[in-house]
Amino acid sequence: MRSIPVSTQALLEAQTLVVRDFMRITGRVRATGAPITEGFWSDLGDVSAQVIDADTGLVVSYDFKGVGSLIAVDPIPMVSNLTVQEIEVTFSQLDDRINELLRVYDIRQAKVEIYRGEFDPETMQMVEPATSRFVGFIDGAPVETPAEGGEGSISIKCVSSAQELTRGNPDLRSHESQIARAAGDNFYRDVTSCGDLVIFWGRRGTVRDAADS
């Protein structure tokens, strides 16, 4: 459960907090596969903002690019189950950095983190580190090139990390597979032959006895 400071609670009750979204996308350099992360936020200017890291739960500072590049984020349902959430994020097609990220780097199944920051309207300072709202992967990033005089946009479709729970495991239950995971683990050593073993109950018997019965 989120613990809200008294000062923040007062602003919430007065409905005066200003909300901004922060987003981080971790793609890959096509030539080397090395990760590359870009941050964007839904306001002007470049900022270094504190967020509560979705993986560690610790407060960290990340850099985010503004200039209106992050235009809109779909409403994110706050659920406590394992439902796979799908959202769409819209970017400005005029922003050079988002164009480079989509066209130059590989963002297939790139990790996505979305945070929500709350600002005091009088000081425009965040009242506390931005909290995690969504963690998942990119599931599509169509770039719509407009006709002359029209308006284009970049929409990134994202699915939550709960999607990983729906994936099947193609691995086989075998001795070779098990030792590949943990050398020396012989748990499945006899898995291919145990179905042919004959177990006698009661008096000592033979295979012929078992067949006759």
N, C-alpha and C. Protein backbone atom coordinates (compact mmCIF):
# COMPACT_ATOMS: atom_id res chain seq x y z
N MET A 1 0.84 -1.19 0.00
CA MET A 1 0.00 0.00 0.00
C MET A 1 0.88 1.25 0.00
N ARG A 2 0.49 2.23 -0.79
CA ARG A 2 1.26 3.45 -0.89
C ARG A 2 1.03 4.34 0.33
N SER A 3 2.13 4.83 0.92
CA SER A 3 2.04 5.73 2.05
C SER A 3 2.14 7.17 1.55
N ILE A 4 1.11 7.98 1.78
CA ILE A 4 1.06 9.34 1.26
C ILE A 4 1.37 10.33 2.38
N PRO A 5 2.37 11.19 2.19
CA PRO A 5 2.70 12.20 3.21
C PRO A 5 1.50 13.12 3.47
N VAL A 6 1.48 13.70 4.67
CA VAL A 6 0.37 14.58 5.05
C VAL A 6 0.25 15.77 4.10
N SER A 7 1.40 16.36 3.71
CA SER A 7 1.37 17.52 2.81
C SER A 7 0.77 17.16 1.46
N THR A 8 1.13 15.97 0.96
CA THR A 8 0.59 15.53 -0.33
C THR A 8 -0.89 15.23 -0.22
N GLN A 9 -1.29 14.63 0.90
CA GLN A 9 -2.70 14.31 1.11
C GLN A 9 -3.56 15.57 1.09
N ALA A 10 -3.04 16.65 1.69
CA ALA A 10 -3.79 17.91 1.70
C ALA A 10 -3.99 18.44 0.29
N LEU A 11 -2.94 18.33 -0.56
CA LEU A 11 -3.07 18.79 -1.94
C LEU A 11 -4.01 17.90 -2.74
N LEU A 12 -4.00 16.61 -2.43
CA LEU A 12 -4.92 15.69 -3.11
C LEU A 12 -6.37 16.03 -2.77
N GLU A 13 -6.61 16.27 -1.50
CA GLU A 13 -7.97 16.60 -1.08
C GLU A 13 -8.43 17.92 -1.69
N ALA A 14 -7.50 18.84 -1.88
CA ALA A 14 -7.85 20.14 -2.48
C ALA A 14 -7.93 20.05 -4.01
N GLN A 15 -7.52 18.90 -4.56
CA GLN A 15 -7.55 18.67 -6.00
C GLN A 15 -6.77 19.74 -6.76
N THR A 16 -5.60 20.05 -6.24
CA THR A 16 -4.77 21.08 -6.87
C THR A 16 -3.46 20.53 -7.43
N LEU A 17 -3.18 19.25 -7.23
CA LEU A 17 -1.93 18.68 -7.73
C LEU A 17 -1.90 18.68 -9.26
N VAL A 18 -0.73 18.96 -9.80
CA VAL A 18 -0.51 18.89 -11.24
C VAL A 18 0.19 17.57 -11.55
N VAL A 19 -0.36 16.81 -12.47
CA VAL A 19 0.15 15.46 -12.75
C VAL A 19 0.92 15.46 -14.07
N ARG A 20 2.07 14.78 -14.06
CA ARG A 20 2.86 14.59 -15.26
C ARG A 20 3.29 13.13 -15.35
N ASP A 21 3.40 12.64 -16.60
CA ASP A 21 3.82 11.26 -16.84
C ASP A 21 5.28 11.22 -17.27
N PHE A 22 6.00 10.19 -16.80
CA PHE A 22 7.39 9.95 -17.18
C PHE A 22 7.48 8.55 -17.78
N MET A 23 8.23 8.44 -18.86
CA MET A 23 8.32 7.14 -19.54
C MET A 23 9.76 6.83 -19.91
N ARG A 24 10.17 5.59 -19.69
CA ARG A 24 11.49 5.11 -20.08
C ARG A 24 11.33 3.92 -21.02
N ILE A 25 12.07 3.95 -22.13
CA ILE A 25 12.07 2.86 -23.10
C ILE A 25 13.49 2.34 -23.23
N THR A 26 13.68 1.05 -23.05
CA THR A 26 15.01 0.43 -23.17
C THR A 26 15.03 -0.46 -24.40
N GLY A 27 15.64 0.05 -25.48
CA GLY A 27 15.77 -0.71 -26.72
C GLY A 27 17.16 -1.30 -26.84
N ARG A 28 17.54 -1.65 -28.08
CA ARG A 28 18.85 -2.27 -28.32
C ARG A 28 19.51 -1.64 -29.54
N VAL A 29 20.83 -1.53 -29.46
CA VAL A 29 21.61 -1.10 -30.62
C VAL A 29 21.63 -2.27 -31.60
N ARG A 30 21.22 -2.04 -32.83
CA ARG A 30 21.08 -3.16 -33.78
C ARG A 30 22.39 -3.88 -34.03
N ALA A 31 23.48 -3.15 -34.12
CA ALA A 31 24.77 -3.76 -34.48
C ALA A 31 25.33 -4.64 -33.37
N THR A 32 25.14 -4.22 -32.12
CA THR A 32 25.78 -4.93 -31.00
C THR A 32 24.80 -5.59 -30.04
N GLY A 33 23.54 -5.18 -30.05
CA GLY A 33 22.57 -5.71 -29.10
C GLY A 33 22.66 -5.07 -27.73
N ALA A 34 23.54 -4.06 -27.59
CA ALA A 34 23.69 -3.38 -26.30
C ALA A 34 22.43 -2.58 -25.99
N PRO A 35 22.02 -2.56 -24.72
CA PRO A 35 20.81 -1.80 -24.36
C PRO A 35 21.02 -0.30 -24.44
N ILE A 36 19.98 0.41 -24.81
CA ILE A 36 20.00 1.87 -24.82
C ILE A 36 18.66 2.35 -24.30
N THR A 37 18.71 3.28 -23.34
CA THR A 37 17.49 3.74 -22.68
C THR A 37 17.27 5.22 -22.94
N GLU A 38 16.03 5.57 -23.27
CA GLU A 38 15.64 6.96 -23.46
C GLU A 38 14.46 7.26 -22.54
N GLY A 39 14.45 8.48 -21.98
CA GLY A 39 13.37 8.89 -21.10
C GLY A 39 12.64 10.09 -21.67
N PHE A 40 11.32 10.10 -21.52
CA PHE A 40 10.49 11.20 -22.00
C PHE A 40 9.47 11.57 -20.91
N TRP A 41 9.05 12.84 -20.92
CA TRP A 41 8.01 13.22 -19.98
C TRP A 41 7.05 14.21 -20.64
N SER A 42 5.87 14.34 -20.07
CA SER A 42 4.79 15.09 -20.71
C SER A 42 4.79 16.56 -20.31
N ASP A 43 5.94 17.22 -20.49
CA ASP A 43 6.03 18.66 -20.25
C ASP A 43 7.23 19.20 -21.03
N LEU A 44 7.52 20.46 -20.85
CA LEU A 44 8.59 21.11 -21.61
C LEU A 44 9.93 21.00 -20.92
N GLY A 45 11.00 20.99 -21.72
CA GLY A 45 12.34 21.01 -21.17
C GLY A 45 12.84 19.64 -20.75
N ASP A 46 14.14 19.53 -20.60
CA ASP A 46 14.77 18.30 -20.14
C ASP A 46 14.97 18.38 -18.63
N VAL A 47 14.62 17.31 -17.92
CA VAL A 47 14.70 17.32 -16.46
C VAL A 47 15.36 16.04 -15.95
N SER A 48 15.87 16.12 -14.74
CA SER A 48 16.32 14.95 -14.00
C SER A 48 15.35 14.79 -12.84
N ALA A 49 14.58 13.73 -12.87
CA ALA A 49 13.51 13.56 -11.88
C ALA A 49 13.71 12.29 -11.07
N GLN A 50 13.30 12.34 -9.82
CA GLN A 50 13.37 11.17 -8.95
C GLN A 50 12.13 10.30 -9.16
N VAL A 51 12.35 8.99 -9.26
CA VAL A 51 11.25 8.03 -9.38
C VAL A 51 11.53 6.87 -8.44
N ILE A 52 10.48 6.15 -8.09
CA ILE A 52 10.64 4.92 -7.32
C ILE A 52 10.80 3.79 -8.32
N ASP A 53 12.01 3.29 -8.47
CA ASP A 53 12.32 2.30 -9.50
C ASP A 53 11.38 1.10 -9.41
N ALA A 54 10.82 0.72 -10.55
CA ALA A 54 9.83 -0.36 -10.58
C ALA A 54 10.44 -1.71 -10.21
N ASP A 55 11.74 -1.90 -10.48
CA ASP A 55 12.37 -3.19 -10.22
C ASP A 55 12.89 -3.32 -8.78
N THR A 56 13.48 -2.24 -8.26
CA THR A 56 14.13 -2.32 -6.95
C THR A 56 13.32 -1.69 -5.83
N GLY A 57 12.39 -0.80 -6.17
CA GLY A 57 11.64 -0.08 -5.15
C GLY A 57 12.43 1.04 -4.50
N LEU A 58 13.63 1.32 -5.02
CA LEU A 58 14.47 2.37 -4.47
C LEU A 58 14.26 3.68 -5.24
N VAL A 59 14.54 4.79 -4.58
CA VAL A 59 14.42 6.10 -5.22
C VAL A 59 15.69 6.36 -6.04
N VAL A 60 15.51 6.61 -7.33
CA VAL A 60 16.64 6.88 -8.22
C VAL A 60 16.30 8.10 -9.08
N SER A 61 17.32 8.68 -9.68
CA SER A 61 17.12 9.83 -10.56
C SER A 61 17.40 9.42 -12.00
N TYR A 62 16.49 9.78 -12.89
CA TYR A 62 16.65 9.50 -14.31
C TYR A 62 16.46 10.81 -15.10
N ASP A 63 17.06 10.86 -16.28
CA ASP A 63 16.90 12.01 -17.16
C ASP A 63 15.74 11.78 -18.12
N PHE A 64 14.94 12.83 -18.32
CA PHE A 64 13.78 12.73 -19.20
C PHE A 64 13.78 13.92 -20.15
N LYS A 65 13.44 13.64 -21.41
CA LYS A 65 13.40 14.66 -22.44
C LYS A 65 11.96 15.18 -22.58
N GLY A 66 11.83 16.49 -22.66
CA GLY A 66 10.51 17.09 -22.76
C GLY A 66 10.20 17.60 -24.14
N VAL A 67 9.96 18.92 -24.24
CA VAL A 67 9.63 19.59 -25.49
C VAL A 67 8.36 19.01 -26.10
N GLY A 68 7.48 18.46 -25.26
CA GLY A 68 6.20 17.97 -25.74
C GLY A 68 6.27 16.69 -26.53
N SER A 69 7.41 15.96 -26.44
CA SER A 69 7.55 14.74 -27.24
C SER A 69 6.55 13.66 -26.80
N LEU A 70 6.29 13.55 -25.50
CA LEU A 70 5.31 12.60 -24.98
C LEU A 70 3.98 13.32 -24.88
N ILE A 71 3.06 12.99 -25.77
CA ILE A 71 1.82 13.74 -25.87
C ILE A 71 0.72 13.18 -24.97
N ALA A 72 0.50 11.87 -25.03
CA ALA A 72 -0.62 11.30 -24.28
C ALA A 72 -0.36 9.85 -23.92
N VAL A 73 -0.88 9.45 -22.76
CA VAL A 73 -0.80 8.07 -22.30
C VAL A 73 -2.23 7.62 -21.97
N ASP A 74 -2.60 6.46 -22.49
CA ASP A 74 -3.93 5.94 -22.18
C ASP A 74 -4.11 5.79 -20.66
N PRO A 75 -5.34 5.89 -20.18
CA PRO A 75 -5.58 5.61 -18.75
C PRO A 75 -5.08 4.21 -18.39
N ILE A 76 -4.38 4.12 -17.27
CA ILE A 76 -3.80 2.84 -16.84
C ILE A 76 -4.61 2.30 -15.67
N PRO A 77 -5.34 1.19 -15.86
CA PRO A 77 -6.12 0.63 -14.76
C PRO A 77 -5.22 0.18 -13.62
N MET A 78 -5.56 0.52 -12.40
CA MET A 78 -4.83 0.07 -11.23
C MET A 78 -5.52 -1.18 -10.68
N VAL A 79 -4.98 -2.35 -11.02
CA VAL A 79 -5.58 -3.61 -10.61
C VAL A 79 -4.61 -4.37 -9.73
N SER A 80 -5.13 -5.29 -8.94
CA SER A 80 -4.29 -6.09 -8.04
C SER A 80 -4.28 -7.55 -8.45
N ASN A 81 -4.64 -7.84 -9.71
CA ASN A 81 -4.61 -9.21 -10.20
C ASN A 81 -3.57 -9.34 -11.30
N LEU A 82 -3.58 -10.48 -12.00
CA LEU A 82 -2.57 -10.75 -13.02
C LEU A 82 -3.11 -10.52 -14.43
N THR A 83 -4.12 -9.66 -14.56
CA THR A 83 -4.67 -9.34 -15.87
C THR A 83 -3.62 -8.63 -16.73
N VAL A 84 -3.51 -9.04 -17.99
CA VAL A 84 -2.58 -8.38 -18.91
C VAL A 84 -3.18 -7.04 -19.33
N GLN A 85 -2.48 -5.96 -19.06
CA GLN A 85 -2.96 -4.63 -19.39
C GLN A 85 -2.37 -4.18 -20.74
N GLU A 86 -3.18 -3.52 -21.54
CA GLU A 86 -2.74 -2.99 -22.83
C GLU A 86 -3.01 -1.49 -22.87
N ILE A 87 -1.99 -0.73 -23.20
CA ILE A 87 -2.15 0.73 -23.30
C ILE A 87 -1.48 1.23 -24.57
N GLU A 88 -1.80 2.45 -24.95
CA GLU A 88 -1.19 3.07 -26.11
C GLU A 88 -0.62 4.43 -25.70
N VAL A 89 0.59 4.72 -26.15
CA VAL A 89 1.26 5.96 -25.83
C VAL A 89 1.52 6.71 -27.14
N THR A 90 1.17 7.99 -27.16
CA THR A 90 1.31 8.81 -28.38
C THR A 90 2.45 9.80 -28.24
N PHE A 91 3.28 9.85 -29.26
CA PHE A 91 4.42 10.77 -29.29
C PHE A 91 4.28 11.75 -30.46
N SER A 92 5.01 12.83 -30.36
CA SER A 92 5.08 13.79 -31.46
C SER A 92 5.99 13.23 -32.55
N GLN A 93 5.50 13.29 -33.79
CA GLN A 93 6.31 12.79 -34.90
C GLN A 93 7.42 13.76 -35.27
N LEU A 94 7.37 14.96 -34.71
CA LEU A 94 8.37 15.97 -35.03
C LEU A 94 9.61 15.88 -34.16
N ASP A 95 9.56 15.06 -33.10
CA ASP A 95 10.68 14.99 -32.18
C ASP A 95 11.78 14.10 -32.75
N ASP A 96 12.98 14.65 -32.87
CA ASP A 96 14.09 13.92 -33.49
C ASP A 96 14.49 12.69 -32.69
N ARG A 97 14.48 12.82 -31.36
CA ARG A 97 14.99 11.71 -30.54
C ARG A 97 14.06 10.50 -30.58
N ILE A 98 12.76 10.72 -30.56
CA ILE A 98 11.83 9.59 -30.62
C ILE A 98 11.89 8.95 -32.01
N ASN A 99 12.11 9.77 -33.06
CA ASN A 99 12.26 9.21 -34.40
C ASN A 99 13.51 8.36 -34.50
N GLU A 100 14.60 8.81 -33.89
CA GLU A 100 15.83 8.02 -33.91
C GLU A 100 15.65 6.72 -33.14
N LEU A 101 14.96 6.79 -32.01
CA LEU A 101 14.76 5.59 -31.20
C LEU A 101 13.98 4.54 -31.98
N LEU A 102 12.95 4.97 -32.71
CA LEU A 102 12.10 4.03 -33.43
C LEU A 102 12.71 3.55 -34.74
N ARG A 103 13.45 4.42 -35.43
CA ARG A 103 13.94 4.08 -36.76
C ARG A 103 15.36 3.53 -36.77
N VAL A 104 16.19 3.94 -35.82
CA VAL A 104 17.59 3.52 -35.81
C VAL A 104 17.82 2.31 -34.90
N TYR A 105 17.19 2.32 -33.73
CA TYR A 105 17.40 1.25 -32.77
C TYR A 105 16.31 0.18 -32.87
N ASP A 106 16.58 -0.96 -32.28
CA ASP A 106 15.63 -2.07 -32.28
C ASP A 106 14.79 -1.99 -31.00
N ILE A 107 13.50 -1.74 -31.14
CA ILE A 107 12.65 -1.63 -29.95
C ILE A 107 11.60 -2.74 -29.89
N ARG A 108 11.81 -3.81 -30.65
CA ARG A 108 10.89 -4.94 -30.55
C ARG A 108 10.96 -5.54 -29.15
N GLN A 109 9.82 -5.63 -28.51
CA GLN A 109 9.74 -6.14 -27.13
C GLN A 109 10.63 -5.35 -26.17
N ALA A 110 10.87 -4.07 -26.48
CA ALA A 110 11.67 -3.23 -25.59
C ALA A 110 10.93 -3.00 -24.28
N LYS A 111 11.69 -2.91 -23.20
CA LYS A 111 11.08 -2.69 -21.88
C LYS A 111 10.54 -1.27 -21.78
N VAL A 112 9.36 -1.15 -21.17
CA VAL A 112 8.70 0.13 -20.99
C VAL A 112 8.39 0.33 -19.51
N GLU A 113 8.72 1.51 -18.99
CA GLU A 113 8.36 1.87 -17.62
C GLU A 113 7.64 3.22 -17.66
N ILE A 114 6.51 3.32 -16.99
CA ILE A 114 5.77 4.58 -16.93
C ILE A 114 5.57 4.95 -15.46
N TYR A 115 5.91 6.19 -15.14
CA TYR A 115 5.80 6.71 -13.78
C TYR A 115 4.87 7.92 -13.78
N ARG A 116 4.24 8.17 -12.64
CA ARG A 116 3.35 9.32 -12.49
C ARG A 116 3.91 10.23 -11.41
N GLY A 117 4.18 11.47 -11.80
CA GLY A 117 4.70 12.45 -10.87
C GLY A 117 3.63 13.48 -10.52
N GLU A 118 3.62 13.92 -9.26
CA GLU A 118 2.63 14.90 -8.79
C GLU A 118 3.37 16.16 -8.34
N PHE A 119 2.93 17.31 -8.85
CA PHE A 119 3.63 18.57 -8.62
C PHE A 119 2.75 19.54 -7.83
N ASP A 120 3.41 20.29 -6.94
CA ASP A 120 2.73 21.37 -6.24
C ASP A 120 2.52 22.51 -7.24
N PRO A 121 1.28 22.96 -7.46
CA PRO A 121 1.02 23.97 -8.49
C PRO A 121 1.70 25.31 -8.22
N GLU A 122 2.01 25.61 -6.96
CA GLU A 122 2.62 26.90 -6.64
C GLU A 122 4.12 26.92 -6.93
N THR A 123 4.79 25.81 -6.68
CA THR A 123 6.24 25.75 -6.87
C THR A 123 6.64 24.94 -8.11
N MET A 124 5.72 24.12 -8.63
CA MET A 124 5.97 23.19 -9.72
C MET A 124 7.14 22.26 -9.41
N GLN A 125 7.24 21.90 -8.14
CA GLN A 125 8.20 20.91 -7.68
C GLN A 125 7.43 19.63 -7.34
N MET A 126 8.03 18.49 -7.63
CA MET A 126 7.37 17.23 -7.28
C MET A 126 7.28 17.10 -5.77
N VAL A 127 6.12 16.70 -5.29
CA VAL A 127 5.92 16.60 -3.86
C VAL A 127 6.57 15.34 -3.30
N GLU A 128 6.79 14.35 -4.14
CA GLU A 128 7.48 13.12 -3.75
C GLU A 128 7.93 12.42 -5.02
N PRO A 129 8.85 11.44 -4.93
CA PRO A 129 9.30 10.76 -6.14
C PRO A 129 8.14 10.16 -6.92
N ALA A 130 8.25 10.18 -8.24
CA ALA A 130 7.20 9.64 -9.10
C ALA A 130 7.03 8.14 -8.86
N THR A 131 5.79 7.70 -8.84
CA THR A 131 5.50 6.30 -8.56
C THR A 131 5.29 5.51 -9.84
N SER A 132 5.59 4.22 -9.78
CA SER A 132 5.45 3.35 -10.94
C SER A 132 3.98 3.10 -11.24
N ARG A 133 3.61 3.27 -12.52
CA ARG A 133 2.23 3.03 -12.94
C ARG A 133 2.12 1.86 -13.91
N PHE A 134 3.20 1.56 -14.61
CA PHE A 134 3.11 0.51 -15.64
C PHE A 134 4.51 0.00 -15.95
N VAL A 135 4.64 -1.31 -16.05
CA VAL A 135 5.88 -1.95 -16.49
C VAL A 135 5.51 -3.02 -17.50
N GLY A 136 6.12 -2.97 -18.66
CA GLY A 136 5.77 -3.95 -19.68
C GLY A 136 6.71 -3.89 -20.87
N PHE A 137 6.16 -4.21 -22.04
CA PHE A 137 6.97 -4.31 -23.25
C PHE A 137 6.23 -3.67 -24.43
N ILE A 138 7.00 -3.22 -25.40
CA ILE A 138 6.42 -2.68 -26.62
C ILE A 138 5.89 -3.81 -27.48
N ASP A 139 4.66 -3.68 -27.94
CA ASP A 139 4.01 -4.72 -28.73
C ASP A 139 3.67 -4.21 -30.13
N GLY A 140 4.22 -3.08 -30.49
CA GLY A 140 3.98 -2.50 -31.82
C GLY A 140 4.21 -1.00 -31.78
N ALA A 141 4.77 -0.47 -32.85
CA ALA A 141 5.06 0.97 -32.88
C ALA A 141 4.88 1.50 -34.30
N PRO A 142 3.63 1.55 -34.77
CA PRO A 142 3.41 2.06 -36.13
C PRO A 142 3.68 3.56 -36.23
N VAL A 143 4.34 3.95 -37.30
CA VAL A 143 4.62 5.36 -37.58
C VAL A 143 3.74 5.77 -38.76
N GLU A 144 2.80 6.68 -38.51
CA GLU A 144 1.88 7.11 -39.56
C GLU A 144 2.43 8.37 -40.22
N THR A 145 2.80 8.23 -41.49
CA THR A 145 3.30 9.38 -42.25
C THR A 145 2.12 10.07 -42.92
N PRO A 146 1.87 11.33 -42.56
CA PRO A 146 0.68 12.01 -43.08
C PRO A 146 0.85 12.48 -44.52
N ALA A 147 -0.28 12.71 -45.16
CA ALA A 147 -0.26 13.34 -46.48
C ALA A 147 0.13 14.80 -46.32
N GLU A 148 0.46 15.46 -47.41
CA GLU A 148 0.86 16.86 -47.35
C GLU A 148 -0.24 17.70 -46.70
N GLY A 149 0.17 18.45 -45.68
CA GLY A 149 -0.78 19.28 -44.96
C GLY A 149 -1.51 18.57 -43.85
N GLY A 150 -1.30 17.26 -43.71
CA GLY A 150 -1.98 16.49 -42.66
C GLY A 150 -1.15 16.41 -41.40
N GLU A 151 -1.66 15.68 -40.42
CA GLU A 151 -0.98 15.50 -39.13
C GLU A 151 -0.61 14.04 -38.93
N GLY A 152 0.63 13.81 -38.57
CA GLY A 152 1.09 12.46 -38.31
C GLY A 152 1.30 12.24 -36.82
N SER A 153 1.47 10.99 -36.46
CA SER A 153 1.71 10.68 -35.05
C SER A 153 2.44 9.35 -34.94
N ILE A 154 3.01 9.12 -33.80
CA ILE A 154 3.67 7.86 -33.48
C ILE A 154 2.98 7.27 -32.26
N SER A 155 2.39 6.11 -32.43
CA SER A 155 1.68 5.46 -31.33
C SER A 155 2.40 4.16 -30.97
N ILE A 156 2.78 4.04 -29.72
CA ILE A 156 3.44 2.83 -29.25
C ILE A 156 2.45 2.00 -28.44
N LYS A 157 2.24 0.78 -28.87
CA LYS A 157 1.35 -0.12 -28.14
C LYS A 157 2.16 -0.93 -27.13
N CYS A 158 1.68 -0.96 -25.90
CA CYS A 158 2.43 -1.63 -24.83
C CYS A 158 1.53 -2.65 -24.13
N VAL A 159 2.14 -3.73 -23.70
CA VAL A 159 1.44 -4.73 -22.88
C VAL A 159 2.22 -4.89 -21.59
N SER A 160 1.51 -5.16 -20.51
CA SER A 160 2.16 -5.26 -19.20
C SER A 160 2.97 -6.55 -19.10
N SER A 161 3.88 -6.57 -18.14
CA SER A 161 4.77 -7.72 -17.96
C SER A 161 4.02 -8.97 -17.55
N ALA A 162 2.74 -8.84 -17.16
CA ALA A 162 1.94 -10.02 -16.83
C ALA A 162 1.77 -10.93 -18.04
N GLN A 163 2.04 -10.41 -19.23
CA GLN A 163 1.96 -11.22 -20.43
C GLN A 163 2.92 -12.40 -20.39
N GLU A 164 4.04 -12.24 -19.68
CA GLU A 164 5.02 -13.31 -19.60
C GLU A 164 4.43 -14.57 -18.97
N LEU A 165 3.40 -14.39 -18.13
CA LEU A 165 2.80 -15.55 -17.48
C LEU A 165 1.97 -16.38 -18.43
N THR A 166 1.66 -15.85 -19.62
CA THR A 166 0.85 -16.57 -20.59
C THR A 166 1.70 -17.35 -21.58
N ARG A 167 3.02 -17.20 -21.52
CA ARG A 167 3.89 -17.89 -22.47
C ARG A 167 4.06 -19.35 -22.08
N GLY A 168 4.07 -20.22 -23.08
CA GLY A 168 4.32 -21.63 -22.83
C GLY A 168 5.82 -21.91 -22.77
N ASN A 169 6.19 -23.01 -22.15
CA ASN A 169 7.60 -23.40 -22.06
C ASN A 169 7.87 -24.54 -23.03
N PRO A 170 8.65 -24.29 -24.09
CA PRO A 170 8.90 -25.32 -25.09
C PRO A 170 9.95 -26.35 -24.66
N ASP A 171 10.54 -26.15 -23.51
CA ASP A 171 11.60 -27.04 -23.05
C ASP A 171 11.03 -28.43 -22.76
N LEU A 172 11.85 -29.46 -22.94
CA LEU A 172 11.44 -30.82 -22.67
C LEU A 172 11.92 -31.27 -21.30
N ARG A 173 11.16 -32.20 -20.70
CA ARG A 173 11.57 -32.75 -19.41
C ARG A 173 12.53 -33.90 -19.70
N SER A 174 13.81 -33.58 -19.67
CA SER A 174 14.82 -34.58 -20.02
C SER A 174 16.06 -34.38 -19.17
N HIS A 175 16.89 -35.41 -19.14
CA HIS A 175 18.14 -35.35 -18.39
C HIS A 175 19.05 -34.29 -18.99
N GLU A 176 19.10 -34.23 -20.33
CA GLU A 176 19.98 -33.27 -20.99
C GLU A 176 19.55 -31.82 -20.68
N SER A 177 18.25 -31.59 -20.67
CA SER A 177 17.75 -30.25 -20.37
C SER A 177 18.05 -29.86 -18.92
N GLN A 178 17.92 -30.82 -18.02
CA GLN A 178 18.12 -30.52 -16.61
C GLN A 178 19.58 -30.19 -16.30
N ILE A 179 20.51 -30.95 -16.87
CA ILE A 179 21.92 -30.68 -16.57
C ILE A 179 22.39 -29.41 -17.29
N ALA A 180 21.69 -29.02 -18.35
CA ALA A 180 22.02 -27.75 -18.98
C ALA A 180 21.69 -26.60 -18.05
N ARG A 181 20.67 -26.77 -17.22
CA ARG A 181 20.30 -25.75 -16.23
C ARG A 181 21.19 -25.82 -15.00
N ALA A 182 21.47 -27.04 -14.56
CA ALA A 182 22.27 -27.21 -13.34
C ALA A 182 23.14 -28.45 -13.51
N ALA A 183 24.41 -28.24 -13.78
CA ALA A 183 25.33 -29.37 -13.99
C ALA A 183 25.37 -30.25 -12.75
N GLY A 184 25.27 -31.55 -12.98
CA GLY A 184 25.32 -32.49 -11.87
C GLY A 184 23.95 -32.85 -11.30
N ASP A 185 22.88 -32.20 -11.77
CA ASP A 185 21.54 -32.50 -11.29
C ASP A 185 21.00 -33.68 -12.09
N ASN A 186 20.93 -34.87 -11.45
CA ASN A 186 20.52 -36.10 -12.13
C ASN A 186 19.07 -36.48 -11.87
N PHE A 187 18.24 -35.50 -11.52
CA PHE A 187 16.85 -35.79 -11.15
C PHE A 187 16.11 -36.50 -12.28
N TYR A 188 16.38 -36.11 -13.54
CA TYR A 188 15.67 -36.69 -14.67
C TYR A 188 16.51 -37.73 -15.42
N ARG A 189 17.51 -38.31 -14.75
CA ARG A 189 18.42 -39.24 -15.42
C ARG A 189 17.69 -40.44 -16.01
N ASP A 190 16.69 -40.95 -15.31
CA ASP A 190 15.99 -42.16 -15.76
C ASP A 190 14.60 -41.87 -16.31
N VAL A 191 14.34 -40.61 -16.68
CA VAL A 191 12.99 -40.26 -17.08
C VAL A 191 12.55 -40.98 -18.35
N THR A 192 13.51 -41.31 -19.25
CA THR A 192 13.14 -41.97 -20.51
C THR A 192 12.90 -43.46 -20.34
N SER A 193 13.34 -44.05 -19.24
CA SER A 193 13.21 -45.50 -19.07
C SER A 193 12.32 -45.89 -17.90
N CYS A 194 11.96 -44.94 -17.05
CA CYS A 194 11.21 -45.31 -15.85
C CYS A 194 9.83 -45.87 -16.19
N GLY A 195 9.29 -45.53 -17.37
CA GLY A 195 7.99 -46.05 -17.74
C GLY A 195 8.02 -47.53 -18.05
N ASP A 196 9.20 -48.08 -18.32
CA ASP A 196 9.33 -49.51 -18.63
C ASP A 196 9.69 -50.36 -17.41
N LEU A 197 9.91 -49.71 -16.28
CA LEU A 197 10.28 -50.47 -15.08
C LEU A 197 9.08 -51.26 -14.56
N VAL A 198 9.34 -52.48 -14.11
CA VAL A 198 8.29 -53.34 -13.54
C VAL A 198 8.51 -53.40 -12.04
N ILE A 199 7.50 -53.02 -11.28
CA ILE A 199 7.59 -53.02 -9.83
C ILE A 199 6.71 -54.16 -9.29
N PHE A 200 7.31 -55.08 -8.54
CA PHE A 200 6.59 -56.22 -7.99
C PHE A 200 6.14 -55.90 -6.58
N TRP A 201 4.92 -56.27 -6.27
CA TRP A 201 4.37 -56.07 -4.94
C TRP A 201 4.11 -57.44 -4.30
N GLY A 202 4.39 -57.58 -3.05
CA GLY A 202 4.18 -58.86 -2.36
C GLY A 202 5.39 -59.74 -2.51
N ARG A 203 5.18 -61.01 -2.98
CA ARG A 203 6.29 -61.95 -3.10
C ARG A 203 7.21 -61.55 -4.24
N ARG A 204 8.45 -62.05 -4.16
CA ARG A 204 9.42 -61.78 -5.21
C ARG A 204 8.94 -62.45 -6.49
N GLY A 205 8.87 -61.74 -7.58
CA GLY A 205 8.37 -62.29 -8.83
C GLY A 205 9.35 -62.13 -9.96
N THR A 206 8.88 -62.49 -11.14
CA THR A 206 9.68 -62.36 -12.34
C THR A 206 8.88 -61.58 -13.37
N VAL A 207 9.54 -61.24 -14.43
CA VAL A 207 8.84 -60.53 -15.51
C VAL A 207 7.76 -61.44 -16.09
N ARG A 208 8.01 -62.79 -16.18
CA ARG A 208 7.02 -63.72 -16.71
C ARG A 208 5.78 -63.75 -15.82
N ASP A 209 6.02 -63.74 -14.47
CA ASP A 209 4.89 -63.72 -13.53
C ASP A 209 4.02 -62.51 -13.74
N ALA A 210 4.66 -61.36 -13.92
CA ALA A 210 3.93 -60.12 -14.11
C ALA A 210 3.13 -60.16 -15.39
N ALA A 211 3.72 -60.77 -16.47
CA ALA A 211 3.02 -60.85 -17.75
C ALA A 211 1.83 -61.79 -17.68
N ASP A 212 1.98 -62.93 -16.96
CA ASP A 212 0.90 -63.90 -16.84
C ASP A 212 -0.27 -63.35 -16.05
N SER A 213 0.03 -62.48 -15.09
CA SER A 213 -1.05 -61.95 -14.26
C SER A 213 -1.82 -60.86 -15.00
